[in-house]
Amino acid sequence: MKNRLEEIRKQQGITQEELASVLEVSRQTIGSLENGRYNPSILLAFKIARYFGMKIEDIFIYEEDQ
């Protein structure tokens, strides 16, 4: 799964640390999400989308294996 988290976060002028604090996760979790090394739980995906006022699918892009 790909995501636009880093792009959206930077557009909003928010640091990884600030986002992590609001979402109650570690900064490392935000970094791993942005680098595609970690897929969020559905709860975390909803929290991220709600924080940015977006739909989950506007941030996280599911790509099926072909």
Protein backbone atom coordinates (compact mmCIF):
# COMPACT_ATOMS: atom_id res chain seq x y z
CA MET A 1 0.00 0.00 0.00
CA LYS A 2 1.27 3.43 -0.89
CA ASN A 3 0.41 6.65 0.87
CA ARG A 4 0.60 10.42 0.56
CA LEU A 5 1.14 11.03 4.28
CA GLU A 6 4.51 12.79 4.01
CA GLU A 7 3.30 15.02 1.17
CA ILE A 8 0.12 16.00 3.03
CA ARG A 9 1.91 16.50 6.35
CA LYS A 10 4.52 18.79 4.77
CA GLN A 11 1.85 20.79 2.91
CA GLN A 12 0.23 21.46 6.30
CA GLY A 13 3.58 22.47 7.85
CA ILE A 14 3.42 19.76 10.50
CA THR A 15 6.47 17.88 11.78
CA GLN A 16 6.56 14.12 12.29
CA GLU A 17 6.83 14.78 16.02
CA GLU A 18 3.73 17.00 16.07
CA LEU A 19 1.68 14.48 14.11
CA ALA A 20 2.86 11.62 16.28
CA SER A 21 1.87 13.51 19.43
CA VAL A 22 -1.63 14.26 18.15
CA LEU A 23 -2.15 10.65 17.05
CA GLU A 24 -0.58 9.23 20.23
CA VAL A 25 2.01 7.17 18.36
CA SER A 26 5.80 7.40 18.16
CA ARG A 27 7.65 9.57 15.68
CA GLN A 28 9.20 6.34 14.39
CA THR A 29 5.70 5.09 13.53
CA ILE A 30 5.06 8.18 11.41
CA GLY A 31 8.43 7.74 9.69
CA SER A 32 7.73 4.08 8.98
CA LEU A 33 4.29 4.93 7.57
CA GLU A 34 5.77 7.59 5.31
CA ASN A 35 8.51 5.25 4.07
CA GLY A 36 6.05 2.45 3.35
CA ARG A 37 7.64 0.09 5.88
CA TYR A 38 4.47 -0.06 7.97
CA ASN A 39 0.76 -0.22 7.15
CA PRO A 40 -1.51 1.44 9.71
CA SER A 41 -4.25 -0.27 11.62
CA ILE A 42 -7.71 0.73 10.44
CA LEU A 43 -8.09 2.78 13.64
CA LEU A 44 -4.86 4.70 12.99
CA ALA A 45 -5.82 5.22 9.33
CA PHE A 46 -9.15 6.74 10.46
CA LYS A 47 -7.38 8.97 13.00
CA ILE A 48 -4.96 10.24 10.35
CA ALA A 49 -7.73 10.89 7.84
CA ARG A 50 -9.89 12.66 10.43
CA TYR A 51 -6.95 14.81 11.56
CA PHE A 52 -6.36 16.05 8.01
CA GLY A 53 -10.10 16.30 7.19
CA MET A 54 -9.76 13.77 4.38
CA LYS A 55 -11.02 10.32 3.44
CA ILE A 56 -8.74 7.35 4.12
CA GLU A 57 -8.49 6.61 0.41
CA ASP A 58 -7.24 10.16 -0.24
CA ILE A 59 -4.18 9.37 1.88
CA PHE A 60 -3.67 5.61 1.55
CA ILE A 61 -3.63 4.03 -1.91
CA TYR A 62 -4.29 0.30 -2.13
CA GLU A 63 -2.70 -1.44 -5.09
CA GLU A 64 -3.59 -5.02 -5.85
CA ASP A 65 -0.82 -7.34 -6.97
CA GLN A 66 -1.16 -8.12 -10.64
